[in-house]
Amino acid sequence: MPDFDRFTLAIVDDIRDREQASDGHSRYGAYLAQHADDFHDDGEPLPAAWFAVMAWRTATAPVMTPGYVAARSDLLDLAPVIDPNGTLHLRARVALRHHHLTHRPTGRPADWERNPWERTDEPWPHLLAPYRDNSPSLLVTAEVTIPVPAGHLAPPTSARPGRTLTHEAKQVVTALAALANSALAPLVDDLLGGAR
């Protein structure tokens, strides 16, 4: 499995998915079956954008842990979202620490903190809100979004759990992960200035 780096925000783990499958085919497919009601609209397959949202949601934590898709741990969230106009976007929510800002806040309010249970040499630290509740905090968050190109994702052909739905869901989340790595990661890297 590849490692995360500056330009890798999402990794699809197809090998572990097969190795840990209770049905011998796909662990992700079993989760899709458990959430079958999310994948149809009165028995009809979802539109492509909604299918992408539901396939990603099912493939990632907290629904599936560990997920079929893993997001880099320094991101607060990485997910497809549909805007009010019905356009699908891929969004990364990023915690900005005070040293990322051009001007540090006066008064030194609390900042995002590294997860104390992680190794100190973790290259992509999971950041948490400060535990202290008796002092002011300034938690800066940025959302970086890109539109998912029209026609980039095919609509599903089935609304029933099984190999067809699993195959189509895997194609969608793999395409979204590739888009996150190719188009969204450079924007996140630029926002963070190459810093971690």
Protein backbone atom coordinates (compact mmCIF):
# COMPACT_ATOMS: atom_id res chain seq x y z
CA MET A 1 0.00 0.00 0.00
CA PRO A 2 1.39 3.45 -0.86
CA ASP A 3 2.22 5.93 1.88
CA PHE A 4 0.72 9.36 2.32
CA ASP A 5 2.81 12.28 1.16
CA ARG A 6 2.30 15.94 0.22
CA PHE A 7 0.32 14.94 -2.86
CA THR A 8 -1.54 11.91 -1.53
CA LEU A 9 -4.70 12.74 0.39
CA ALA A 10 -6.57 9.47 -0.11
CA ILE A 11 -5.57 5.83 -0.48
CA VAL A 12 -7.85 3.02 -1.63
CA ASP A 13 -6.93 -0.32 -0.06
CA ASP A 14 -8.33 -2.98 -2.39
CA ILE A 15 -5.91 -5.68 -1.15
CA ARG A 16 -6.98 -5.43 2.50
CA ASP A 17 -10.60 -5.22 1.35
CA ARG A 18 -10.32 -8.67 -0.28
CA GLU A 19 -8.17 -10.18 2.49
CA GLN A 20 -10.59 -9.16 5.24
CA ALA A 21 -13.79 -9.93 3.35
CA SER A 22 -16.16 -12.17 5.27
CA ASP A 23 -17.75 -13.21 1.98
CA GLY A 24 -14.38 -13.86 0.30
CA HIS A 25 -15.05 -11.04 -2.17
CA SER A 26 -15.21 -7.58 -0.55
CA ARG A 27 -15.45 -6.23 2.99
CA TYR A 28 -16.64 -2.94 1.48
CA GLY A 29 -19.37 -4.86 -0.35
CA ALA A 30 -20.63 -6.19 2.99
CA TYR A 31 -20.86 -2.63 4.31
CA LEU A 32 -22.71 -1.57 1.16
CA ALA A 33 -25.21 -4.37 1.80
CA GLN A 34 -25.66 -3.24 5.42
CA HIS A 35 -26.45 0.27 4.17
CA ALA A 36 -28.53 -0.83 1.18
CA ASP A 37 -31.33 1.63 2.00
CA ASP A 38 -28.93 4.51 1.31
CA PHE A 39 -28.37 3.41 -2.29
CA HIS A 40 -31.78 3.71 -3.86
CA ASP A 41 -34.62 6.16 -4.28
CA ASP A 42 -37.87 4.15 -4.14
CA GLY A 43 -36.06 1.18 -5.66
CA GLU A 44 -34.35 3.18 -8.42
CA PRO A 45 -30.59 3.77 -8.52
CA LEU A 46 -29.41 7.12 -7.18
CA PRO A 47 -28.25 9.91 -9.50
CA ALA A 48 -24.47 9.80 -10.06
CA ALA A 49 -23.64 12.66 -7.63
CA TRP A 50 -25.68 11.20 -4.76
CA PHE A 51 -24.29 7.74 -5.46
CA ALA A 52 -20.76 9.17 -5.18
CA VAL A 53 -21.59 10.81 -1.84
CA MET A 54 -23.12 7.63 -0.38
CA ALA A 55 -20.39 5.33 -1.76
CA TRP A 56 -17.67 7.54 -0.23
CA ARG A 57 -19.50 7.87 3.09
CA THR A 58 -19.82 4.10 3.35
CA ALA A 59 -16.18 3.55 2.33
CA THR A 60 -14.73 5.81 5.03
CA ALA A 61 -14.70 6.19 8.80
CA PRO A 62 -16.80 6.32 10.87
CA VAL A 63 -19.05 3.98 8.85
CA MET A 64 -16.25 1.63 7.81
CA THR A 65 -13.25 1.46 10.15
CA PRO A 66 -10.66 0.90 8.89
CA GLY A 67 -12.09 2.29 5.70
CA TYR A 68 -11.88 1.02 2.17
CA VAL A 69 -10.61 4.55 1.55
CA ALA A 70 -8.25 6.17 4.06
CA ALA A 71 -7.81 9.94 4.19
CA ARG A 72 -4.57 11.56 5.29
CA SER A 73 -4.75 11.97 9.07
CA ASP A 74 -4.02 15.71 9.14
CA LEU A 75 -7.27 16.43 7.29
CA LEU A 76 -10.34 17.15 9.37
CA ASP A 77 -12.49 15.76 6.56
CA LEU A 78 -12.23 14.68 2.94
CA ALA A 79 -15.52 14.03 1.18
CA PRO A 80 -17.66 14.67 -1.87
CA VAL A 81 -20.41 17.22 -1.24
CA ILE A 82 -23.29 18.50 -3.33
CA ASP A 83 -23.78 22.27 -3.44
CA PRO A 84 -27.23 23.93 -3.47
CA ASN A 85 -27.17 23.92 -7.29
CA GLY A 86 -26.71 20.15 -7.38
CA THR A 87 -23.04 20.26 -8.45
CA LEU A 88 -20.71 17.67 -6.97
CA HIS A 89 -17.53 18.98 -5.34
CA LEU A 90 -14.68 17.25 -3.57
CA ARG A 91 -13.90 19.03 -0.30
CA ALA A 92 -10.95 18.87 2.08
CA ARG A 93 -11.31 20.53 5.48
CA VAL A 94 -7.91 21.52 6.81
CA ALA A 95 -6.92 22.68 10.30
CA LEU A 96 -4.61 25.68 10.02
CA ARG A 97 -2.27 26.08 12.95
CA HIS A 98 -1.20 29.56 13.96
CA HIS A 99 2.23 29.14 12.37
CA HIS A 100 0.47 28.76 8.98
CA LEU A 101 -0.98 32.27 9.30
CA THR A 102 0.88 35.36 8.09
CA HIS A 103 0.12 37.10 11.40
CA ARG A 104 -0.07 35.20 14.66
CA PRO A 105 -3.05 36.11 16.83
CA THR A 106 -2.35 38.45 19.71
CA GLY A 107 -2.80 37.14 23.21
CA ARG A 108 -1.61 33.67 22.17
CA PRO A 109 -4.97 31.84 22.26
CA ALA A 110 -4.87 28.04 22.23
CA ASP A 111 -4.34 26.39 18.85
CA TRP A 112 -5.02 22.99 17.29
CA GLU A 113 -2.96 20.35 19.12
CA ARG A 114 -1.37 17.10 18.02
CA ASN A 115 -3.16 13.98 19.20
CA PRO A 116 -1.23 13.07 22.38
CA TRP A 117 -1.70 9.34 21.72
CA GLU A 118 0.11 9.48 18.36
CA ARG A 119 3.81 8.95 17.86
CA THR A 120 5.67 12.26 17.89
CA ASP A 121 7.31 11.43 14.55
CA GLU A 122 3.95 10.97 12.76
CA PRO A 123 4.43 12.85 9.47
CA TRP A 124 0.74 13.74 9.08
CA PRO A 125 -0.43 14.38 12.65
CA HIS A 126 -4.08 14.15 13.58
CA LEU A 127 -4.98 17.53 15.09
CA LEU A 128 -7.47 17.99 17.90
CA ALA A 129 -9.16 20.95 19.54
CA PRO A 130 -7.33 21.91 22.75
CA TYR A 131 -8.48 20.10 25.84
CA ARG A 132 -8.17 23.16 28.06
CA ASP A 133 -11.52 24.88 28.44
CA ASN A 134 -10.39 27.73 30.69
CA SER A 135 -8.56 29.78 28.07
CA PRO A 136 -9.48 31.28 24.71
CA SER A 137 -8.87 29.25 21.54
CA LEU A 138 -8.57 30.32 17.93
CA LEU A 139 -9.14 27.27 15.73
CA VAL A 140 -8.78 28.21 12.08
CA THR A 141 -10.23 25.84 9.50
CA ALA A 142 -10.06 26.12 5.72
CA GLU A 143 -12.18 24.31 3.17
CA VAL A 144 -10.58 23.57 -0.17
CA THR A 145 -13.03 22.43 -2.83
CA ILE A 146 -12.86 21.46 -6.46
CA PRO A 147 -15.78 20.68 -8.75
CA VAL A 148 -15.98 17.09 -9.91
CA PRO A 149 -16.03 17.31 -13.72
CA ALA A 150 -19.39 16.57 -15.30
CA GLY A 151 -19.42 13.08 -16.72
CA HIS A 152 -16.46 12.08 -14.53
CA LEU A 153 -18.61 9.63 -12.60
CA ALA A 154 -20.99 7.14 -14.17
CA PRO A 155 -24.44 6.67 -12.64
CA PRO A 156 -25.03 3.30 -10.99
CA THR A 157 -26.90 0.62 -12.90
CA SER A 158 -28.16 -1.21 -9.83
CA ALA A 159 -29.72 -0.27 -6.52
CA ARG A 160 -29.49 -3.78 -5.08
CA PRO A 161 -26.57 -5.00 -2.97
CA GLY A 162 -24.27 -7.39 -4.77
CA ARG A 163 -21.25 -7.54 -6.99
CA THR A 164 -22.54 -4.98 -9.51
CA LEU A 165 -23.22 -2.35 -6.85
CA THR A 166 -19.90 -3.13 -5.14
CA HIS A 167 -17.98 -2.85 -8.43
CA GLU A 168 -19.64 0.45 -9.33
CA ALA A 169 -19.11 1.89 -5.83
CA LYS A 170 -15.44 0.88 -5.93
CA GLN A 171 -15.05 2.61 -9.31
CA VAL A 172 -16.60 5.81 -7.95
CA VAL A 173 -14.51 6.02 -4.77
CA THR A 174 -11.33 5.12 -6.67
CA ALA A 175 -12.05 7.93 -9.16
CA LEU A 176 -12.71 10.38 -6.32
CA ALA A 177 -9.50 9.36 -4.52
CA ALA A 178 -7.52 9.85 -7.74
CA LEU A 179 -9.09 13.28 -8.22
CA ALA A 180 -8.28 14.21 -4.61
CA ASN A 181 -4.65 13.25 -5.15
CA SER A 182 -4.21 14.87 -8.55
CA ALA A 183 -6.24 18.08 -8.24
CA LEU A 184 -7.04 18.73 -4.57
CA ALA A 185 -3.71 17.75 -2.96
CA PRO A 186 -1.68 20.50 -4.71
CA LEU A 187 -4.15 23.10 -3.43
CA VAL A 188 -3.94 21.74 0.13
CA ASP A 189 -0.15 21.65 -0.12
CA ASP A 190 -0.10 25.24 -1.35
CA LEU A 191 -2.40 26.29 1.52
CA LEU A 192 -0.10 24.67 4.07
CA GLY A 193 3.00 25.97 2.34
CA GLY A 194 4.46 22.46 2.20
CA ALA A 195 4.44 22.43 6.02
CA ARG A 196 2.91 19.78 8.22
